[in-house]
Amino acid sequence: MKAAVYHGKEDVRIESVDEPAGPGPDDVIVQVARATICGTDVNEFVRGASVIPLERRHPASGHVGPLVIGHEFMGRVVAGGRGVTALAEGDRVACGAGISCGSCAWCRSGRTNLCATYVTVGIQRDGGLAELVRAPASTYRPVPEDCTDDAAALSQPLSIALHALDRADPLPAETLVVIGAGGIGAFVIAAARSRGIERIVAVDISATRLARAEQVGATDLLDALKVDAVESLRELTGGIGADVVIEASGAPTSLGTALAATRRGGRVLMLGTPPTKAELDVKDAVLREVELRTAVAHICDHDLPVALEMLRGGALAAALTDRTVPLDRLVPDGLQALAAGTVEGKILVDPEQSA
């Protein structure tokens, strides 16, 4: 079968690889209909292997070496193991990608994203930028009839946004600021609007991303290239500062901006992952009792079904999607385009589309 195989920095190849072996007792094999590209995929492509176990065997998945990437995807079930009862051949399903053990202390407390042996399909084991993929049935959820393939492929990143909102816990009357309106930030804004947050401020350096943020729910827009973000946010809030700030850009300086723009007793959620260490004015944050929280991945049982419900009808997916490309064009039209900053929205990948 055809698949996108990661070999290292700036080295992803569309290759012919063996089809997945027959499913284990609790596995399903899915024919991929749509996949998308994540910031993690781009970071691994641009900077080299950080989370992909290219040279050192992963302790939980056992994988080492070149890997089929892709952790945001959906498709149809073509085979299931003998222990799979909730899914049947032909079912359309979306993958949450995170594999948790179900028995460690974190799993027992419901925090499956922090599982002691957590593995992500497409990062620590072969994933969905391929024609076929095998993964545990527990990572999949059925796709509603009126949720298109394109929309369902976005359910995994939307799940991450929903989990981030749970961690930040903004109230409807509170002012929520999202720094970074591209990638995951746009999903956070859309999810916040769906939850009734009345004032959502989007901060970015791209007019295109800010326009998309407004389309999916932002009430105020700040172009950080034209204004001082901290001063402008204080002006918008009557000099007090924001109640909740979610840092979704991953820019090293943005966490400092987030802390400075937050009101006394407010909350900052760190969602973006900076490539370098960030210097922070911790003393000021302590004196103003600003809470710093973090979020990673999502809770599949809780977040993925909610994401699929939000994506029904396809309008949200259409607003957040830039283009669809064939798997053969993944590198030039997908990874390289995202790395160069010439694409603002999500890129869908169709394994069946010809180049």
Protein backbone atom coordinates (compact mmCIF):
# COMPACT_ATOMS: atom_id res chain seq x y z
CA MET A 1 0.00 0.00 0.00
CA LYS A 2 1.00 3.66 -0.31
CA ALA A 3 2.04 5.53 2.84
CA ALA A 4 3.89 8.65 4.04
CA VAL A 5 6.98 7.38 5.85
CA TYR A 6 9.07 9.60 8.13
CA HIS A 7 12.83 9.03 7.79
CA GLY A 8 14.14 12.14 9.51
CA LYS A 9 14.53 15.89 9.16
CA GLU A 10 12.99 17.11 5.87
CA ASP A 11 12.73 13.48 4.79
CA VAL A 12 9.19 12.16 4.42
CA ARG A 13 8.75 9.75 1.54
CA ILE A 14 5.61 8.45 -0.16
CA GLU A 15 6.48 4.77 -0.35
CA SER A 16 4.99 1.37 -0.98
CA VAL A 17 4.90 -0.49 2.33
CA ASP A 18 3.32 -3.71 3.56
CA GLU A 19 -0.34 -3.55 4.48
CA PRO A 20 -1.04 -3.83 8.23
CA ALA A 21 -1.01 -7.38 9.50
CA GLY A 22 -4.38 -8.92 10.39
CA PRO A 23 -6.01 -7.17 13.34
CA GLY A 24 -5.29 -8.31 16.86
CA PRO A 25 -8.24 -9.25 19.11
CA ASP A 26 -9.09 -5.64 19.98
CA ASP A 27 -7.92 -3.93 16.79
CA VAL A 28 -9.61 -2.71 13.65
CA ILE A 29 -8.10 -2.04 10.24
CA VAL A 30 -9.45 1.09 8.59
CA GLN A 31 -9.30 2.20 4.98
CA VAL A 32 -8.37 5.86 5.31
CA ALA A 33 -10.68 8.29 3.52
CA ARG A 34 -9.27 11.57 4.86
CA ALA A 35 -6.33 12.58 7.00
CA THR A 36 -4.94 15.95 8.03
CA ILE A 37 -1.56 17.39 8.90
CA CYS A 38 -0.77 18.61 12.42
CA GLY A 39 1.77 21.10 13.72
CA THR A 40 3.60 18.18 15.30
CA ASP A 41 4.03 16.60 11.86
CA VAL A 42 5.45 19.86 10.54
CA ASN A 43 7.77 20.33 13.53
CA GLU A 44 9.18 16.82 13.18
CA PHE A 45 9.66 17.43 9.45
CA VAL A 46 11.40 20.79 9.91
CA ARG A 47 13.44 20.20 13.07
CA GLY A 48 14.03 16.47 13.07
CA ALA A 49 12.73 13.67 15.25
CA SER A 50 11.66 14.81 18.70
CA VAL A 51 8.67 12.62 19.57
CA ILE A 52 8.96 10.06 16.76
CA PRO A 53 11.17 7.13 17.97
CA LEU A 54 13.45 7.18 14.96
CA GLU A 55 16.64 6.03 16.69
CA ARG A 56 15.58 4.80 20.14
CA ARG A 57 12.88 2.18 20.69
CA HIS A 58 9.73 3.60 22.25
CA PRO A 59 9.20 1.92 25.64
CA ALA A 60 5.45 1.46 25.21
CA SER A 61 4.87 0.92 21.49
CA GLY A 62 8.17 -0.87 20.84
CA HIS A 63 8.62 1.02 17.59
CA VAL A 64 12.00 2.25 16.37
CA GLY A 65 13.01 3.54 12.94
CA PRO A 66 11.07 5.01 10.01
CA LEU A 67 7.38 5.42 10.77
CA VAL A 68 4.13 6.03 8.90
CA ILE A 69 2.95 9.39 10.19
CA GLY A 70 -0.57 10.75 10.56
CA HIS A 71 -2.61 10.97 13.77
CA GLU A 72 -5.62 12.92 12.50
CA PHE A 73 -7.71 10.71 10.20
CA MET A 74 -10.98 8.93 9.52
CA GLY A 75 -12.15 6.12 7.24
CA ARG A 76 -14.15 2.91 6.96
CA VAL A 77 -13.63 -0.29 8.93
CA VAL A 78 -12.47 -3.14 6.67
CA ALA A 79 -11.64 -5.72 9.34
CA GLY A 80 -12.01 -6.17 13.09
CA GLY A 81 -10.52 -8.47 15.71
CA ARG A 82 -12.56 -11.13 17.46
CA GLY A 83 -12.98 -8.95 20.54
CA VAL A 84 -14.41 -5.98 18.63
CA THR A 85 -18.19 -5.79 19.05
CA ALA A 86 -19.02 -2.06 18.85
CA LEU A 87 -17.75 -1.57 15.28
CA ALA A 88 -18.54 -3.48 12.11
CA GLU A 89 -17.15 -3.70 8.60
CA GLY A 90 -18.20 -0.67 6.58
CA ASP A 91 -18.68 1.65 9.58
CA ARG A 92 -17.31 5.16 9.13
CA VAL A 93 -15.08 6.00 12.08
CA ALA A 94 -12.84 8.81 13.31
CA CYS A 95 -9.68 8.10 15.27
CA GLY A 96 -8.69 9.81 18.51
CA ALA A 97 -5.15 8.41 18.05
CA GLY A 98 -4.29 8.16 21.75
CA ILE A 99 -3.85 4.64 23.14
CA SER A 100 -4.09 4.32 26.92
CA CYS A 101 -3.78 1.21 29.09
CA GLY A 102 -6.98 1.68 31.11
CA SER A 103 -5.45 0.36 34.31
CA CYS A 104 -2.76 2.77 35.57
CA ALA A 105 -3.49 5.40 38.23
CA TRP A 106 -4.10 8.13 35.65
CA CYS A 107 -6.44 6.00 33.54
CA ARG A 108 -8.40 4.94 36.63
CA SER A 109 -8.89 8.60 37.53
CA GLY A 110 -10.19 9.40 34.03
CA ARG A 111 -7.05 11.19 32.83
CA THR A 112 -6.31 8.76 30.03
CA ASN A 113 -4.23 11.36 28.17
CA LEU A 114 -1.64 11.06 30.97
CA CYS A 115 -1.51 7.26 30.86
CA ALA A 116 1.78 5.79 32.06
CA THR A 117 2.16 3.96 28.73
CA TYR A 118 0.45 6.46 26.43
CA VAL A 119 1.07 5.91 22.72
CA THR A 120 -0.12 8.05 19.83
CA VAL A 121 -0.98 6.45 16.51
CA GLY A 122 1.08 8.18 13.83
CA ILE A 123 3.74 9.36 16.28
CA GLN A 124 4.93 6.34 18.26
CA ARG A 125 3.43 3.68 15.97
CA ASP A 126 2.37 3.62 12.32
CA GLY A 127 -0.44 6.02 11.54
CA GLY A 128 -3.06 7.19 9.10
CA LEU A 129 -1.29 9.04 6.29
CA ALA A 130 -1.64 5.83 4.35
CA GLU A 131 -4.22 3.79 2.52
CA LEU A 132 -4.77 1.46 5.49
CA VAL A 133 -4.08 1.73 9.22
CA ARG A 134 -4.44 -0.61 12.20
CA ALA A 135 -5.27 0.70 15.66
CA PRO A 136 -7.20 -0.40 18.75
CA ALA A 137 -10.98 -0.17 18.42
CA SER A 138 -10.97 1.90 21.61
CA THR A 139 -9.41 4.83 19.74
CA TYR A 140 -12.28 5.05 17.23
CA ARG A 141 -15.76 6.54 17.41
CA PRO A 142 -18.57 6.23 14.83
CA VAL A 143 -19.08 9.20 12.52
CA PRO A 144 -22.65 10.61 12.39
CA GLU A 145 -24.40 10.30 9.03
CA ASP A 146 -24.56 14.05 8.46
CA CYS A 147 -20.88 14.54 9.29
CA THR A 148 -18.85 14.55 6.08
CA ASP A 149 -15.54 12.73 5.68
CA ASP A 150 -13.76 16.10 5.48
CA ALA A 151 -15.36 17.23 8.72
CA ALA A 152 -14.78 13.97 10.59
CA ALA A 153 -11.05 14.17 9.82
CA LEU A 154 -10.92 17.31 11.97
CA SER A 155 -12.43 15.66 15.05
CA GLN A 156 -9.10 14.79 16.68
CA PRO A 157 -7.69 18.37 16.73
CA LEU A 158 -11.09 19.71 17.77
CA SER A 159 -11.02 17.21 20.65
CA ILE A 160 -7.73 18.72 21.80
CA ALA A 161 -9.32 22.16 21.78
CA LEU A 162 -12.26 20.90 23.82
CA HIS A 163 -9.92 19.38 26.39
CA ALA A 164 -7.97 22.64 26.57
CA LEU A 165 -11.18 24.51 27.35
CA ASP A 166 -12.01 22.03 30.08
CA ARG A 167 -8.60 22.69 31.60
CA ALA A 168 -8.90 26.49 31.30
CA ASP A 169 -12.56 26.43 32.42
CA PRO A 170 -13.70 29.86 31.21
CA LEU A 171 -17.16 30.98 32.31
CA PRO A 172 -19.61 32.44 29.78
CA ALA A 173 -19.27 35.96 31.18
CA GLU A 174 -15.48 35.90 31.37
CA THR A 175 -13.18 37.38 28.74
CA LEU A 176 -11.22 34.68 26.96
CA VAL A 177 -8.10 35.52 24.98
CA VAL A 178 -6.59 33.06 22.51
CA ILE A 179 -3.04 33.84 21.44
CA GLY A 180 -2.39 32.16 18.11
CA ALA A 181 -5.44 31.78 15.85
CA GLY A 182 -3.92 29.30 13.41
CA GLY A 183 -3.95 25.54 13.77
CA ILE A 184 -5.30 24.55 17.16
CA GLY A 185 -6.11 28.13 18.18
CA ALA A 186 -8.93 28.39 15.64
CA PHE A 187 -10.42 25.18 17.00
CA VAL A 188 -10.25 26.60 20.54
CA ILE A 189 -12.12 29.70 19.42
CA ALA A 190 -14.82 27.64 17.68
CA ALA A 191 -15.19 25.39 20.70
CA ALA A 192 -15.40 28.37 23.06
CA ARG A 193 -18.14 29.93 20.95
CA SER A 194 -20.09 26.66 21.03
CA ARG A 195 -19.92 26.77 24.82
CA GLY A 196 -21.41 30.24 25.03
CA ILE A 197 -18.30 32.25 25.91
CA GLU A 198 -19.48 35.80 25.23
CA ARG A 199 -16.21 37.60 24.59
CA ILE A 200 -13.39 35.88 22.75
CA VAL A 201 -10.33 37.88 21.75
CA ALA A 202 -8.07 36.44 19.05
CA VAL A 203 -4.42 37.57 18.91
CA ASP A 204 -2.28 36.76 15.89
CA ILE A 205 0.12 38.27 13.35
CA SER A 206 -1.79 37.09 10.29
CA ALA A 207 -4.77 39.00 8.90
CA THR A 208 -5.99 35.82 7.22
CA ARG A 209 -5.93 33.82 10.45
CA LEU A 210 -7.65 36.66 12.30
CA ALA A 211 -10.39 36.78 9.66
CA ARG A 212 -10.92 33.04 10.05
CA ALA A 213 -10.98 33.46 13.84
CA GLU A 214 -13.79 36.00 13.48
CA GLN A 215 -15.65 33.64 11.16
CA VAL A 216 -15.64 30.84 13.75
CA GLY A 217 -16.46 32.94 16.80
CA ALA A 218 -13.93 35.60 17.87
CA THR A 219 -15.57 38.86 18.96
CA ASP A 220 -12.39 40.97 19.04
CA LEU A 221 -9.27 40.78 16.88
CA LEU A 222 -5.76 42.01 17.69
CA ASP A 223 -2.98 42.07 15.11
CA ALA A 224 0.18 41.77 17.20
CA LEU A 225 2.25 43.17 14.32
CA LYS A 226 0.35 46.45 14.52
CA VAL A 227 -0.39 46.89 18.21
CA ASP A 228 1.16 46.03 21.56
CA ALA A 229 -0.83 42.96 22.54
CA VAL A 230 -0.58 43.44 26.30
CA GLU A 231 -1.53 47.13 26.22
CA SER A 232 -4.38 46.49 23.80
CA LEU A 233 -5.76 43.63 25.88
CA ARG A 234 -5.70 45.80 28.98
CA GLU A 235 -7.55 48.55 27.10
CA LEU A 236 -10.17 46.06 25.95
CA THR A 237 -10.73 44.96 29.54
CA GLY A 238 -10.85 48.38 31.15
CA GLY A 239 -7.28 48.13 32.42
CA ILE A 240 -7.93 44.96 34.40
CA GLY A 241 -6.67 42.23 32.08
CA ALA A 242 -8.26 39.08 30.70
CA ASP A 243 -9.93 36.48 32.89
CA VAL A 244 -8.52 33.56 30.92
CA VAL A 245 -5.73 33.46 28.33
CA ILE A 246 -4.96 30.39 26.24
CA GLU A 247 -1.53 30.42 24.63
CA ALA A 248 -1.91 28.34 21.46
CA SER A 249 0.86 29.67 19.23
CA GLY A 250 3.89 27.96 20.75
CA ALA A 251 5.97 31.11 20.19
CA PRO A 252 8.61 31.37 22.97
CA THR A 253 7.66 34.95 23.90
CA SER A 254 3.89 34.44 23.87
CA LEU A 255 3.65 32.79 27.28
CA GLY A 256 5.13 35.94 28.82
CA THR A 257 2.57 37.97 26.91
CA ALA A 258 -0.19 35.73 28.19
CA LEU A 259 0.86 36.10 31.82
CA ALA A 260 1.21 39.88 31.52
CA ALA A 261 -2.20 40.23 29.88
CA THR A 262 -4.05 38.24 32.56
CA ARG A 263 -5.92 39.91 35.41
CA ARG A 264 -5.18 39.34 39.07
CA GLY A 265 -6.41 35.88 39.96
CA GLY A 266 -6.86 35.00 36.31
CA ARG A 267 -5.84 31.83 34.50
CA VAL A 268 -3.32 31.12 31.75
CA LEU A 269 -3.49 27.84 29.87
CA MET A 270 -0.36 26.75 28.04
CA LEU A 271 -1.39 24.72 24.98
CA GLY A 272 1.29 25.58 22.42
CA THR A 273 4.69 23.91 22.84
CA PRO A 274 7.61 26.35 22.37
CA PRO A 275 10.64 24.92 20.55
CA THR A 276 12.99 26.65 23.01
CA LYS A 277 12.93 27.53 26.70
CA ALA A 278 10.94 30.63 27.59
CA GLU A 279 11.95 33.29 30.13
CA LEU A 280 9.07 34.28 32.40
CA ASP A 281 8.46 37.02 34.97
CA VAL A 282 7.43 34.55 37.62
CA LYS A 283 7.55 37.12 40.44
CA ASP A 284 4.88 39.27 38.83
CA ALA A 285 2.67 36.23 38.20
CA VAL A 286 3.05 35.15 41.85
CA LEU A 287 2.25 38.61 43.22
CA ARG A 288 -0.91 38.74 41.09
CA GLU A 289 -1.80 35.12 41.87
CA VAL A 290 -2.12 34.19 38.20
CA GLU A 291 -2.74 30.47 37.70
CA LEU A 292 -0.66 28.68 35.08
CA ARG A 293 -2.22 25.52 33.71
CA THR A 294 -1.30 23.20 30.86
CA ALA A 295 -3.15 20.87 28.52
CA VAL A 296 -2.04 17.97 26.34
CA ALA A 297 -3.96 15.70 23.97
CA HIS A 298 -7.56 14.91 24.92
CA ILE A 299 -9.82 12.45 26.73
CA CYS A 300 -11.05 10.21 23.92
CA ASP A 301 -14.20 8.90 25.63
CA HIS A 302 -15.33 12.42 26.48
CA ASP A 303 -13.99 14.77 23.81
CA LEU A 304 -14.11 12.84 20.53
CA PRO A 305 -17.89 12.24 20.50
CA VAL A 306 -18.49 15.92 21.35
CA ALA A 307 -16.17 17.01 18.54
CA LEU A 308 -17.99 14.82 16.01
CA GLU A 309 -21.32 16.32 17.07
CA MET A 310 -19.94 19.85 16.59
CA LEU A 311 -18.71 18.97 13.11
CA ARG A 312 -22.08 17.74 11.83
CA GLY A 313 -23.22 19.56 8.72
CA GLY A 314 -19.69 20.46 7.62
CA ALA A 315 -19.87 24.27 8.03
CA LEU A 316 -17.21 24.48 10.73
CA ALA A 317 -14.86 22.18 8.82
CA ALA A 318 -15.28 24.25 5.66
CA ALA A 319 -14.35 27.41 7.57
CA LEU A 320 -11.18 25.86 8.96
CA THR A 321 -9.95 23.97 5.88
CA ASP A 322 -7.59 25.45 3.31
CA ARG A 323 -7.26 22.67 0.73
CA THR A 324 -7.30 18.96 -0.03
CA VAL A 325 -4.20 17.34 -1.52
CA PRO A 326 -3.39 13.82 -2.76
CA LEU A 327 -1.12 11.69 -0.60
CA ASP A 328 1.46 11.83 -3.40
CA ARG A 329 1.67 15.62 -2.94
CA LEU A 330 1.85 15.55 0.86
CA VAL A 331 5.39 16.92 1.08
CA PRO A 332 5.39 19.86 -1.38
CA ASP A 333 1.73 20.87 -1.05
CA GLY A 334 1.35 19.98 2.62
CA LEU A 335 4.37 19.80 4.90
CA GLN A 336 6.56 22.24 3.00
CA ALA A 337 3.69 24.67 2.42
CA LEU A 338 2.81 24.70 6.12
CA ALA A 339 6.47 25.08 7.11
CA ALA A 340 6.81 28.04 4.74
CA GLY A 341 3.71 29.71 6.18
CA THR A 342 1.93 29.86 2.82
CA VAL A 343 -1.11 27.95 4.15
CA GLU A 344 -3.34 29.32 6.89
CA GLY A 345 -5.93 26.57 7.41
CA LYS A 346 -6.02 22.82 7.79
CA ILE A 347 -4.80 20.68 4.91
CA LEU A 348 -6.81 17.56 4.20
CA VAL A 349 -5.12 14.56 2.57
CA ASP A 350 -7.04 12.16 0.34
CA PRO A 351 -5.15 8.85 -0.11
CA GLU A 352 -7.41 7.90 -3.01
CA GLN A 353 -7.00 11.14 -4.97
CA SER A 354 -4.51 11.01 -7.82
CA ALA A 355 -1.79 13.63 -8.12
